[in-house]
C-alpha atoms as a PDB file:
ATOM      1  CA  MET A   1     -41.638 -36.480 -57.312  1.00  0.00           C
ATOM      2  CA  LEU A   2     -40.651 -32.805 -57.495  1.00  0.00           C
ATOM      3  CA  PHE A   3     -40.181 -30.549 -54.474  1.00  0.00           C
ATOM      4  CA  LEU A   4     -40.584 -26.790 -54.961  1.00  0.00           C
ATOM      5  CA  ILE A   5     -38.834 -24.999 -52.113  1.00  0.00           C
ATOM      6  CA  GLY A   6     -40.197 -21.476 -51.747  1.00  0.00           C
ATOM      7  CA  GLY A   7     -42.777 -22.559 -54.297  1.00  0.00           C
ATOM      8  CA  GLY A   8     -45.527 -20.175 -53.179  1.00  0.00           C
ATOM      9  CA  GLY A   9     -44.300 -17.209 -55.213  1.00  0.00           C
ATOM     10  CA  PHE A  10     -44.534 -16.072 -58.810  1.00  0.00           C
ATOM     11  CA  ILE A  11     -42.207 -18.650 -60.384  1.00  0.00           C
ATOM     12  CA  GLY A  12     -43.292 -21.471 -58.073  1.00  0.00           C
ATOM     13  CA  LYS A  13     -46.985 -21.043 -58.792  1.00  0.00           C
ATOM     14  CA  ASN A  14     -46.357 -20.956 -62.514  1.00  0.00           C
ATOM     15  CA  LEU A  15     -44.198 -24.075 -62.321  1.00  0.00           C
ATOM     16  CA  VAL A  16     -47.161 -25.753 -60.642  1.00  0.00           C
ATOM     17  CA  ARG A  17     -49.501 -24.461 -63.354  1.00  0.00           C
ATOM     18  CA  CYS A  18     -47.244 -25.633 -66.175  1.00  0.00           C
ATOM     19  CA  LEU A  19     -45.823 -28.874 -64.766  1.00  0.00           C
ATOM     20  CA  HIS A  20     -48.519 -30.397 -62.547  1.00  0.00           C
ATOM     21  CA  ASP A  21     -49.431 -32.942 -65.234  1.00  0.00           C
ATOM     22  CA  GLU A  22     -45.812 -34.092 -65.582  1.00  0.00           C
ATOM     23  CA  TYR A  23     -44.705 -34.415 -61.948  1.00  0.00           C
ATOM     24  CA  HIS A  24     -46.041 -35.239 -58.512  1.00  0.00           C
ATOM     25  CA  ILE A  25     -45.356 -31.855 -56.907  1.00  0.00           C
ATOM     26  CA  PHE A  26     -44.860 -30.992 -53.238  1.00  0.00           C
ATOM     27  CA  VAL A  27     -44.604 -27.270 -52.389  1.00  0.00           C
ATOM     28  CA  PHE A  28     -42.866 -25.976 -49.259  1.00  0.00           C
ATOM     29  CA  ASP A  29     -43.015 -22.312 -48.263  1.00  0.00           C
ATOM     30  CA  LYS A  30     -43.416 -20.043 -45.261  1.00  0.00           C
ATOM     31  CA  TYR A  31     -46.807 -19.024 -46.639  1.00  0.00           C
ATOM     32  CA  ILE A  32     -49.131 -21.158 -48.766  1.00  0.00           C
ATOM     33  CA  ASP A  33     -51.795 -19.489 -50.898  1.00  0.00           C
ATOM     34  CA  SER A  34     -54.602 -21.952 -50.214  1.00  0.00           C
ATOM     35  CA  GLU A  35     -56.923 -20.282 -52.724  1.00  0.00           C
ATOM     36  CA  PHE A  36     -54.458 -20.785 -55.582  1.00  0.00           C
ATOM     37  CA  PHE A  37     -53.469 -24.330 -54.644  1.00  0.00           C
ATOM     38  CA  SER A  38     -57.111 -25.379 -54.267  1.00  0.00           C
ATOM     39  CA  ASN A  39     -57.118 -25.378 -58.079  1.00  0.00           C
ATOM     40  CA  TYR A  40     -54.501 -28.148 -58.003  1.00  0.00           C
ATOM     41  CA  PRO A  41     -55.734 -30.703 -55.443  1.00  0.00           C
ATOM     42  CA  GLN A  42     -53.129 -33.241 -56.583  1.00  0.00           C
ATOM     43  CA  VAL A  43     -50.320 -30.877 -55.505  1.00  0.00           C
ATOM     44  CA  LYS A  44     -49.236 -31.306 -51.888  1.00  0.00           C
ATOM     45  CA  THR A  45     -48.294 -28.261 -49.803  1.00  0.00           C
ATOM     46  CA  LYS A  46     -46.728 -27.639 -46.413  1.00  0.00           C
ATOM     47  CA  GLU A  47     -46.000 -24.392 -44.595  1.00  0.00           C
ATOM     48  CA  LEU A  48     -42.410 -24.560 -43.430  1.00  0.00           C
ATOM     49  CA  ASP A  49     -39.666 -22.076 -42.613  1.00  0.00           C
ATOM     50  CA  LEU A  50     -36.646 -23.836 -44.083  1.00  0.00           C
ATOM     51  CA  VAL A  51     -34.234 -21.280 -42.652  1.00  0.00           C
ATOM     52  CA  ASN A  52     -35.000 -22.698 -39.206  1.00  0.00           C
ATOM     53  CA  GLU A  53     -36.817 -25.969 -39.926  1.00  0.00           C
ATOM     54  CA  SER A  54     -36.108 -29.155 -41.853  1.00  0.00           C
ATOM     55  CA  ILE A  55     -38.380 -31.188 -44.091  1.00  0.00           C
ATOM     56  CA  PRO A  56     -39.692 -34.013 -41.872  1.00  0.00           C
ATOM     57  CA  TYR A  57     -38.143 -37.448 -42.405  1.00  0.00           C
ATOM     58  CA  TYR A  58     -41.545 -39.071 -42.835  1.00  0.00           C
ATOM     59  CA  ILE A  59     -41.794 -37.298 -46.200  1.00  0.00           C
ATOM     60  CA  ASP A  60     -40.194 -39.418 -48.901  1.00  0.00           C
ATOM     61  CA  THR A  61     -37.114 -38.176 -50.758  1.00  0.00           C
ATOM     62  CA  PRO A  62     -38.053 -36.706 -54.147  1.00  0.00           C
ATOM     63  CA  ASN A  63     -36.374 -37.256 -57.506  1.00  0.00           C
ATOM     64  CA  TYR A  64     -35.928 -33.508 -57.995  1.00  0.00           C
ATOM     65  CA  ILE A  65     -35.727 -30.391 -55.841  1.00  0.00           C
ATOM     66  CA  ILE A  66     -35.979 -26.848 -57.172  1.00  0.00           C
ATOM     67  CA  ASN A  67     -34.830 -24.311 -54.593  1.00  0.00           C
ATOM     68  CA  LEU A  68     -36.584 -20.997 -55.257  1.00  0.00           C
ATOM     69  CA  ALA A  69     -36.321 -19.683 -51.702  1.00  0.00           C
ATOM     70  CA  SER A  70     -35.058 -16.122 -51.845  1.00  0.00           C
ATOM     71  CA  ILE A  71     -35.616 -12.508 -50.933  1.00  0.00           C
ATOM     72  CA  VAL A  72     -35.555 -10.519 -54.161  1.00  0.00           C
ATOM     73  CA  SER A  73     -34.243  -6.970 -53.813  1.00  0.00           C
ATOM     74  CA  THR A  74     -32.610  -4.498 -56.177  1.00  0.00           C
ATOM     75  CA  GLU A  75     -31.619  -2.205 -53.304  1.00  0.00           C
ATOM     76  CA  ARG A  76     -27.936  -1.475 -52.746  1.00  0.00           C
ATOM     77  CA  ASP A  77     -28.317  -1.509 -48.943  1.00  0.00           C
ATOM     78  CA  MET A  78     -25.730  -3.709 -47.210  1.00  0.00           C
ATOM     79  CA  LYS A  79     -28.020  -3.946 -44.182  1.00  0.00           C
ATOM     80  CA  LEU A  80     -29.948  -6.555 -46.190  1.00  0.00           C
ATOM     81  CA  PHE A  81     -26.931  -8.855 -46.318  1.00  0.00           C
ATOM     82  CA  ASP A  82     -27.618 -10.992 -43.232  1.00  0.00           C
ATOM     83  CA  GLU A  83     -31.226 -11.658 -44.183  1.00  0.00           C
ATOM     84  CA  LEU A  84     -30.255 -12.436 -47.777  1.00  0.00           C
ATOM     85  CA  ILE A  85     -27.613 -14.898 -46.581  1.00  0.00           C
ATOM     86  CA  SER A  86     -30.122 -16.671 -44.341  1.00  0.00           C
ATOM     87  CA  THR A  87     -32.748 -17.038 -47.039  1.00  0.00           C
ATOM     88  CA  ASN A  88     -30.528 -17.864 -50.004  1.00  0.00           C
ATOM     89  CA  VAL A  89     -27.671 -19.890 -48.520  1.00  0.00           C
ATOM     90  CA  ARG A  90     -28.943 -21.284 -45.223  1.00  0.00           C
ATOM     91  CA  VAL A  91     -31.904 -22.955 -46.942  1.00  0.00           C
ATOM     92  CA  LEU A  92     -29.564 -24.628 -49.439  1.00  0.00           C
ATOM     93  CA  ILE A  93     -27.323 -25.948 -46.659  1.00  0.00           C
ATOM     94  CA  ASN A  94     -30.347 -27.219 -44.732  1.00  0.00           C
ATOM     95  CA  LEU A  95     -31.540 -29.088 -47.845  1.00  0.00           C
ATOM     96  CA  TYR A  96     -28.096 -30.626 -48.238  1.00  0.00           C
ATOM     97  CA  GLU A  97     -28.059 -31.769 -44.605  1.00  0.00           C
ATOM     98  CA  ARG A  98     -31.541 -33.273 -44.963  1.00  0.00           C
ATOM     99  CA  PHE A  99     -31.001 -35.150 -48.234  1.00  0.00           C
ATOM    100  CA  LYS A 100     -27.281 -35.984 -48.386  1.00  0.00           C
ATOM    101  CA  GLY A 101     -26.750 -39.663 -49.086  1.00  0.00           C
ATOM    102  CA  GLU A 102     -30.298 -40.139 -50.420  1.00  0.00           C
ATOM    103  CA  GLU A 103     -29.993 -42.210 -53.602  1.00  0.00           C
ATOM    104  CA  ASN A 104     -33.460 -41.306 -54.885  1.00  0.00           C
ATOM    105  CA  LEU A 105     -32.479 -37.647 -55.308  1.00  0.00           C
ATOM    106  CA  GLU A 106     -31.332 -37.124 -58.899  1.00  0.00           C
ATOM    107  CA  LEU A 107     -30.976 -33.337 -58.939  1.00  0.00           C
ATOM    108  CA  LEU A 108     -31.240 -30.232 -56.782  1.00  0.00           C
ATOM    109  CA  MET A 109     -31.629 -27.131 -58.943  1.00  0.00           C
ATOM    110  CA  GLN A 110     -30.436 -23.992 -57.172  1.00  0.00           C
ATOM    111  CA  PHE A 111     -31.712 -20.656 -58.489  1.00  0.00           C
ATOM    112  CA  GLY A 112     -29.182 -17.887 -58.969  1.00  0.00           C
ATOM    113  CA  SER A 113     -29.650 -14.701 -60.995  1.00  0.00           C
ATOM    114  CA  SER A 114     -28.340 -13.172 -64.206  1.00  0.00           C
ATOM    115  CA  GLU A 115     -27.594 -10.091 -62.083  1.00  0.00           C
ATOM    116  CA  GLU A 116     -24.567 -11.973 -60.764  1.00  0.00           C
ATOM    117  CA  TYR A 117     -22.707 -11.102 -63.979  1.00  0.00           C
ATOM    118  CA  GLY A 118     -22.701  -7.357 -63.371  1.00  0.00           C
ATOM    119  CA  SER A 119     -22.695  -4.691 -66.045  1.00  0.00           C
ATOM    120  CA  GLU A 120     -20.004  -5.636 -68.561  1.00  0.00           C
ATOM    121  CA  ASN A 121     -19.251  -8.137 -71.333  1.00  0.00           C
ATOM    122  CA  SER A 122     -22.771  -8.918 -72.542  1.00  0.00           C
ATOM    123  CA  PRO A 123     -23.817 -11.481 -73.723  1.00  0.00           C
ATOM    124  CA  PHE A 124     -23.042 -13.221 -70.462  1.00  0.00           C
ATOM    125  CA  VAL A 125     -21.653 -16.741 -70.591  1.00  0.00           C
ATOM    126  CA  GLU A 126     -21.575 -19.103 -67.652  1.00  0.00           C
ATOM    127  CA  THR A 127     -17.771 -19.330 -67.557  1.00  0.00           C
ATOM    128  CA  GLN A 128     -17.078 -15.617 -67.165  1.00  0.00           C
ATOM    129  CA  ARG A 129     -16.192 -14.060 -63.851  1.00  0.00           C
ATOM    130  CA  GLU A 130     -19.136 -12.590 -61.973  1.00  0.00           C
ATOM    131  CA  ILE A 131     -19.094  -8.920 -60.964  1.00  0.00           C
ATOM    132  CA  PRO A 132     -22.217  -8.505 -58.785  1.00  0.00           C
ATOM    133  CA  THR A 133     -23.329  -4.920 -58.216  1.00  0.00           C
ATOM    134  CA  SER A 134     -25.823  -5.388 -55.346  1.00  0.00           C
ATOM    135  CA  PRO A 135     -26.055  -7.397 -52.105  1.00  0.00           C
ATOM    136  CA  TYR A 136     -28.764  -9.527 -53.740  1.00  0.00           C
ATOM    137  CA  ALA A 137     -26.547 -10.402 -56.719  1.00  0.00           C
ATOM    138  CA  LEU A 138     -23.569 -11.073 -54.438  1.00  0.00           C
ATOM    139  CA  VAL A 139     -25.544 -13.476 -52.258  1.00  0.00           C
ATOM    140  CA  LYS A 140     -26.962 -15.191 -55.344  1.00  0.00           C
ATOM    141  CA  GLN A 141     -23.400 -15.712 -56.546  1.00  0.00           C
ATOM    142  CA  LEU A 142     -22.539 -17.215 -53.170  1.00  0.00           C
ATOM    143  CA  SER A 143     -25.516 -19.583 -53.292  1.00  0.00           C
ATOM    144  CA  VAL A 144     -24.626 -20.727 -56.821  1.00  0.00           C
ATOM    145  CA  ASN A 145     -20.983 -21.323 -55.924  1.00  0.00           C
ATOM    146  CA  THR A 146     -22.060 -23.180 -52.783  1.00  0.00           C
ATOM    147  CA  ALA A 147     -24.314 -25.448 -54.852  1.00  0.00           C
ATOM    148  CA  ILE A 148     -21.498 -26.264 -57.265  1.00  0.00           C
ATOM    149  CA  MET A 149     -19.089 -26.852 -54.363  1.00  0.00           C
ATOM    150  CA  LEU A 150     -21.556 -29.345 -52.873  1.00  0.00           C
ATOM    151  CA  TYR A 151     -21.461 -31.307 -56.117  1.00  0.00           C
ATOM    152  CA  ARG A 152     -17.712 -31.039 -56.699  1.00  0.00           C
ATOM    153  CA  ASP A 153     -16.523 -31.773 -53.160  1.00  0.00           C
ATOM    154  CA  PHE A 154     -19.383 -33.763 -51.609  1.00  0.00           C
ATOM    155  CA  HIS A 155     -20.921 -35.480 -54.669  1.00  0.00           C
ATOM    156  CA  PHE A 156     -24.326 -33.983 -53.911  1.00  0.00           C
ATOM    157  CA  PRO A 157     -26.383 -33.851 -57.154  1.00  0.00           C
ATOM    158  CA  THR A 158     -26.702 -30.105 -57.728  1.00  0.00           C
ATOM    159  CA  MET A 159     -26.818 -27.642 -60.590  1.00  0.00           C
ATOM    160  CA  ALA A 160     -27.576 -23.908 -60.756  1.00  0.00           C
ATOM    161  CA  VAL A 161     -29.707 -21.864 -63.131  1.00  0.00           C
ATOM    162  CA  ARG A 162     -29.366 -18.147 -63.720  1.00  0.00           C
ATOM    163  CA  PRO A 163     -32.714 -16.803 -64.964  1.00  0.00           C
ATOM    164  CA  GLY A 164     -33.046 -13.750 -67.144  1.00  0.00           C
ATOM    165  CA  ASN A 165     -35.909 -11.318 -66.577  1.00  0.00           C
ATOM    166  CA  VAL A 166     -38.984 -13.518 -66.249  1.00  0.00           C
ATOM    167  CA  PHE A 167     -42.481 -12.065 -66.670  1.00  0.00           C
ATOM    168  CA  GLY A 168     -46.020 -13.385 -66.768  1.00  0.00           C
ATOM    169  CA  PRO A 169     -49.255 -13.984 -64.872  1.00  0.00           C
ATOM    170  CA  MET A 170     -49.245 -13.682 -61.073  1.00  0.00           C
ATOM    171  CA  GLN A 171     -46.198 -11.423 -61.052  1.00  0.00           C
ATOM    172  CA  ALA A 172     -46.242  -8.449 -58.682  1.00  0.00           C
ATOM    173  CA  LYS A 173     -47.323  -5.141 -60.221  1.00  0.00           C
ATOM    174  CA  THR A 174     -44.156  -3.536 -58.886  1.00  0.00           C
ATOM    175  CA  LYS A 175     -42.136  -5.400 -61.539  1.00  0.00           C
ATOM    176  CA  PHE A 176     -41.456  -3.544 -64.774  1.00  0.00           C
ATOM    177  CA  ILE A 177     -43.728  -5.246 -67.312  1.00  0.00           C
ATOM    178  CA  PRO A 178     -46.715  -5.686 -64.953  1.00  0.00           C
ATOM    179  CA  TYR A 179     -46.303  -2.059 -63.869  1.00  0.00           C
ATOM    180  CA  VAL A 180     -46.229  -0.827 -67.468  1.00  0.00           C
ATOM    181  CA  VAL A 181     -49.214  -2.913 -68.576  1.00  0.00           C
ATOM    182  CA  ASP A 182     -51.284  -1.936 -65.537  1.00  0.00           C
ATOM    183  CA  LYS A 183     -50.678   1.794 -66.073  1.00  0.00           C
ATOM    184  CA  LEU A 184     -51.245   1.641 -69.828  1.00  0.00           C
ATOM    185  CA  LYS A 185     -54.406  -0.416 -69.424  1.00  0.00           C
ATOM    186  CA  ARG A 186     -55.868   2.272 -67.147  1.00  0.00           C
ATOM    187  CA  ASN A 187     -54.537   5.154 -69.263  1.00  0.00           C
ATOM    188  CA  ARG A 188     -52.518   6.361 -66.314  1.00  0.00           C
ATOM    189  CA  PRO A 189     -49.167   8.184 -66.617  1.00  0.00           C
ATOM    190  CA  LEU A 190     -45.949   6.178 -66.365  1.00  0.00           C
ATOM    191  CA  GLU A 191     -43.011   7.400 -64.321  1.00  0.00           C
ATOM    192  CA  VAL A 192     -39.917   5.654 -65.692  1.00  0.00           C
ATOM    193  CA  THR A 193     -36.224   6.161 -66.451  1.00  0.00           C
ATOM    194  CA  PHE A 194     -35.114   7.026 -69.972  1.00  0.00           C
ATOM    195  CA  CYS A 195     -35.525   3.271 -70.560  1.00  0.00           C
ATOM    196  CA  GLU A 196     -32.463   2.941 -72.765  1.00  0.00           C
ATOM    197  CA  GLN A 197     -31.375  -0.160 -70.876  1.00  0.00           C
ATOM    198  CA  LYS A 198     -31.914  -3.542 -72.521  1.00  0.00           C
ATOM    199  CA  ARG A 199     -33.100  -6.690 -70.790  1.00  0.00           C
ATOM    200  CA  ASP A 200     -33.083 -10.367 -71.701  1.00  0.00           C
ATOM    201  CA  THR A 201     -36.724 -11.125 -71.042  1.00  0.00           C
ATOM    202  CA  ILE A 202     -38.484 -14.494 -71.102  1.00  0.00           C
ATOM    203  CA  TYR A 203     -42.164 -15.340 -70.690  1.00  0.00           C
ATOM    204  CA  ILE A 204     -42.945 -17.568 -67.727  1.00  0.00           C
ATOM    205  CA  ASP A 205     -44.409 -20.418 -69.821  1.00  0.00           C
ATOM    206  CA  ASP A 206     -41.237 -20.556 -71.930  1.00  0.00           C
ATOM    207  CA  PHE A 207     -39.157 -20.407 -68.761  1.00  0.00           C
ATOM    208  CA  CYS A 208     -41.076 -23.314 -67.216  1.00  0.00           C
ATOM    209  CA  TRP A 209     -40.586 -25.307 -70.417  1.00  0.00           C
ATOM    210  CA  CYS A 210     -36.825 -24.764 -70.150  1.00  0.00           C
ATOM    211  CA  ILE A 211     -36.817 -25.891 -66.514  1.00  0.00           C
ATOM    212  CA  SER A 212     -38.764 -29.030 -67.394  1.00  0.00           C
ATOM    213  CA  GLU A 213     -36.345 -29.820 -70.218  1.00  0.00           C
ATOM    214  CA  LEU A 214     -33.393 -29.471 -67.844  1.00  0.00           C
ATOM    215  CA  LEU A 215     -35.033 -31.855 -65.379  1.00  0.00           C
ATOM    216  CA  LYS A 216     -35.534 -34.381 -68.186  1.00  0.00           C
ATOM    217  CA  HIS A 217     -31.792 -34.188 -68.908  1.00  0.00           C
ATOM    218  CA  SER A 218     -30.699 -34.055 -65.260  1.00  0.00           C
ATOM    219  CA  GLU A 219     -27.760 -36.409 -65.758  1.00  0.00           C
ATOM    220  CA  ARG A 220     -26.178 -33.887 -68.149  1.00  0.00           C
ATOM    221  CA  CYS A 221     -26.759 -30.988 -65.762  1.00  0.00           C
ATOM    222  CA  LEU A 222     -24.908 -32.200 -62.683  1.00  0.00           C
ATOM    223  CA  GLY A 223     -22.402 -29.625 -61.487  1.00  0.00           C
ATOM    224  CA  GLU A 224     -23.366 -27.154 -64.210  1.00  0.00           C
ATOM    225  CA  ILE A 225     -24.355 -23.481 -64.152  1.00  0.00           C
ATOM    226  CA  VAL A 226     -26.885 -22.680 -66.887  1.00  0.00           C
ATOM    227  CA  ASN A 227     -28.417 -19.427 -68.098  1.00  0.00           C
ATOM    228  CA  VAL A 228     -32.167 -19.779 -68.634  1.00  0.00           C
ATOM    229  CA  SER A 229     -33.456 -16.910 -70.732  1.00  0.00           C
ATOM    230  CA  SER A 230     -34.218 -15.916 -74.314  1.00  0.00           C
ATOM    231  CA  GLY A 231     -30.688 -15.185 -75.497  1.00  0.00           C
ATOM    232  CA  ASP A 232     -31.718 -11.773 -76.787  1.00  0.00           C
ATOM    233  CA  SER A 233     -32.316  -8.359 -75.229  1.00  0.00           C
ATOM    234  CA  ILE A 234     -34.845  -5.620 -75.919  1.00  0.00           C
ATOM    235  CA  GLU A 235     -34.767  -1.947 -74.966  1.00  0.00           C
ATOM    236  CA  LEU A 236     -37.267  -1.165 -72.217  1.00  0.00           C
ATOM    237  CA  LYS A 237     -38.541   1.801 -74.214  1.00  0.00           C
ATOM    238  CA  ARG A 238     -39.489  -0.618 -76.997  1.00  0.00           C
ATOM    239  CA  VAL A 239     -41.367  -2.789 -74.480  1.00  0.00           C
ATOM    240  CA  ILE A 240     -43.470   0.236 -73.505  1.00  0.00           C
ATOM    241  CA  GLU A 241     -44.099   1.141 -77.146  1.00  0.00           C
ATOM    242  CA  ILE A 242     -45.303  -2.368 -78.049  1.00  0.00           C
ATOM    243  CA  ALA A 243     -47.656  -2.516 -75.064  1.00  0.00           C
ATOM    244  CA  LYS A 244     -48.947   1.032 -75.550  1.00  0.00           C
ATOM    245  CA  ASP A 245     -49.723   0.393 -79.201  1.00  0.00           C
ATOM    246  CA  TYR A 246     -51.402  -2.965 -78.525  1.00  0.00           C
ATOM    247  CA  LEU A 247     -53.575  -1.496 -75.759  1.00  0.00           C
ATOM    248  CA  HIS A 248     -54.367   1.692 -77.743  1.00  0.00           C
ATOM    249  CA  SER A 249     -53.456   3.491 -74.532  1.00  0.00           C
ATOM    250  CA  SER A 250     -53.570   7.267 -74.095  1.00  0.00           C
ATOM    251  CA  SER A 251     -51.118   7.168 -71.174  1.00  0.00           C
ATOM    252  CA  GLU A 252     -48.398   9.790 -71.006  1.00  0.00           C
ATOM    253  CA  VAL A 253     -44.970   8.222 -70.584  1.00  0.00           C
ATOM    254  CA  HIS A 254     -42.638  10.430 -68.555  1.00  0.00           C
ATOM    255  CA  TYR A 255     -39.210   9.222 -69.640  1.00  0.00           C
ATOM    256  CA  GLY A 256     -36.462  10.377 -67.311  1.00  0.00           C
ATOM    257  CA  ALA A 257     -38.800  10.893 -64.354  1.00  0.00           C
ATOM    258  CA  LEU A 258     -36.774   8.304 -62.443  1.00  0.00           C
ATOM    259  CA  PRO A 259     -32.975   8.068 -62.289  1.00  0.00           C
ATOM    260  CA  TYR A 260     -31.034   5.012 -63.318  1.00  0.00           C
ATOM    261  CA  ARG A 261     -29.847   2.853 -60.434  1.00  0.00           C
ATOM    262  CA  ALA A 262     -26.230   3.057 -59.394  1.00  0.00           C
ATOM    263  CA  ASN A 263     -24.192   0.686 -61.582  1.00  0.00           C
ATOM    264  CA  GLU A 264     -27.186   0.159 -63.872  1.00  0.00           C
ATOM    265  CA  VAL A 265     -26.720  -2.736 -66.306  1.00  0.00           C
ATOM    266  CA  MET A 266     -27.430  -1.225 -69.721  1.00  0.00           C
ATOM    267  CA  ASP A 267     -27.496  -4.475 -71.711  1.00  0.00           C
ATOM    268  CA  LEU A 268     -28.350  -7.587 -69.737  1.00  0.00           C
ATOM    269  CA  ARG A 269     -28.250 -10.403 -72.268  1.00  0.00           C
ATOM    270  CA  CYS A 270     -27.435 -14.030 -71.557  1.00  0.00           C
ATOM    271  CA  SER A 271     -25.945 -16.608 -73.865  1.00  0.00           C
ATOM    272  CA  VAL A 272     -28.230 -19.655 -74.067  1.00  0.00           C
ATOM    273  CA  ASP A 273     -25.844 -21.812 -76.094  1.00  0.00           C
ATOM    274  CA  LYS A 274     -25.171 -24.051 -73.104  1.00  0.00           C
ATOM    275  CA  LEU A 275     -28.887 -24.410 -72.377  1.00  0.00           C
ATOM    276  CA  SER A 276     -29.529 -25.453 -75.973  1.00  0.00           C
ATOM    277  CA  ALA A 277     -26.671 -27.946 -75.865  1.00  0.00           C
ATOM    278  CA  LEU A 278     -27.858 -29.543 -72.625  1.00  0.00           C
ATOM    279  CA  ILE A 279     -31.476 -30.012 -73.699  1.00  0.00           C
ATOM    280  CA  GLY A 280     -30.658 -30.733 -77.344  1.00  0.00           C
ATOM    281  CA  LYS A 281     -33.116 -28.150 -78.640  1.00  0.00           C
ATOM    282  CA  LEU A 282     -32.959 -24.654 -80.098  1.00  0.00           C
ATOM    283  CA  VAL A 283     -33.921 -21.944 -77.608  1.00  0.00           C
ATOM    284  CA  CYS A 284     -35.776 -19.228 -79.508  1.00  0.00           C
ATOM    285  CA  PHE A 285     -38.808 -17.312 -78.270  1.00  0.00           C
ATOM    286  CA  ASP A 286     -41.008 -14.539 -79.690  1.00  0.00           C
ATOM    287  CA  PHE A 287     -41.069 -11.776 -77.064  1.00  0.00           C
ATOM    288  CA  GLU A 288     -43.601  -9.529 -78.814  1.00  0.00           C
ATOM    289  CA  LYS A 289     -46.064 -12.392 -79.263  1.00  0.00           C
ATOM    290  CA  ARG A 290     -45.687 -13.412 -75.638  1.00  0.00           C
ATOM    291  CA  LEU A 291     -46.085  -9.840 -74.376  1.00  0.00           C
ATOM    292  CA  LYS A 292     -49.382  -9.565 -76.241  1.00  0.00           C
ATOM    293  CA  GLU A 293     -50.523 -12.923 -74.821  1.00  0.00           C
ATOM    294  CA  TYR A 294     -49.728 -11.633 -71.345  1.00  0.00           C
ATOM    295  CA  ILE A 295     -51.686  -8.421 -71.998  1.00  0.00           C
ATOM    296  CA  ASP A 296     -54.679 -10.489 -73.172  1.00  0.00           C
ATOM    297  CA  ILE A 297     -54.573 -12.509 -69.933  1.00  0.00           C
ATOM    298  CA  ILE A 298     -54.427  -9.343 -67.832  1.00  0.00           C
ATOM    299  CA  ASN A 299     -57.343  -7.846 -69.769  1.00  0.00           C
ATOM    300  CA  GLN A 300     -59.426 -10.948 -69.075  1.00  0.00           C
ATOM    301  CA  SER A 301     -58.659 -11.030 -65.353  1.00  0.00           C
END
């Protein structure tokens, strides 16, 4: 059995879509999209606020838990800190308190972020010191270190993954690739930065495959921090050019209309050597092919 904590969002729904044939899945979240989950009647769901509530003891202990619960924010506002702590760390501690000592639990996978690494020394490797540049990245670092501490000091079966930039169906249009595709599809102008920054971007289906492979090799993953991405980076301007050409869009792209963020990471690229070693398979994905597949899906929706 696989529990998805905070599984009602973009990554959680796609994990359900990709993995429902492999695992008995139980989704816990503050809000459950009943329309989406009606397509997967074998998947159990429960509305639960795990900051303040615990998973009831009448529910059997799973083999795996993936903790996706988080508030995602790129803002540099320290007023967000308390809420970020509650969502990212308190949920993890509550899961530990609920399932400590349970022999059936083989692995709890805590989600961090590649933004923890900061803006220097790309490609990022898991052993380098983190230099977070936002409250979100700082709290993600704290949640990852807490997960590893729980394994090291309390023998609780945890690991942490640091995703790259994931994109795909069901992602909010405020995110970069959905925003670009939506504007280009409608021949509307784009307001963007100069888009010289590079991002390590991975399609959601490839990401879900990586997660499944890590679960299959859970005994190797205990106590580990693992980057889950493509291992390569692409300039955001090139992303726009590929999509614009594929859509035959007449949109005007206003480069420089938006400023770069403070402490902008200009080349976010993650090493995936450790990921490849753990799953025993080469990690290599075709971004351009996947971007076009995503565009085709959006055009059909």
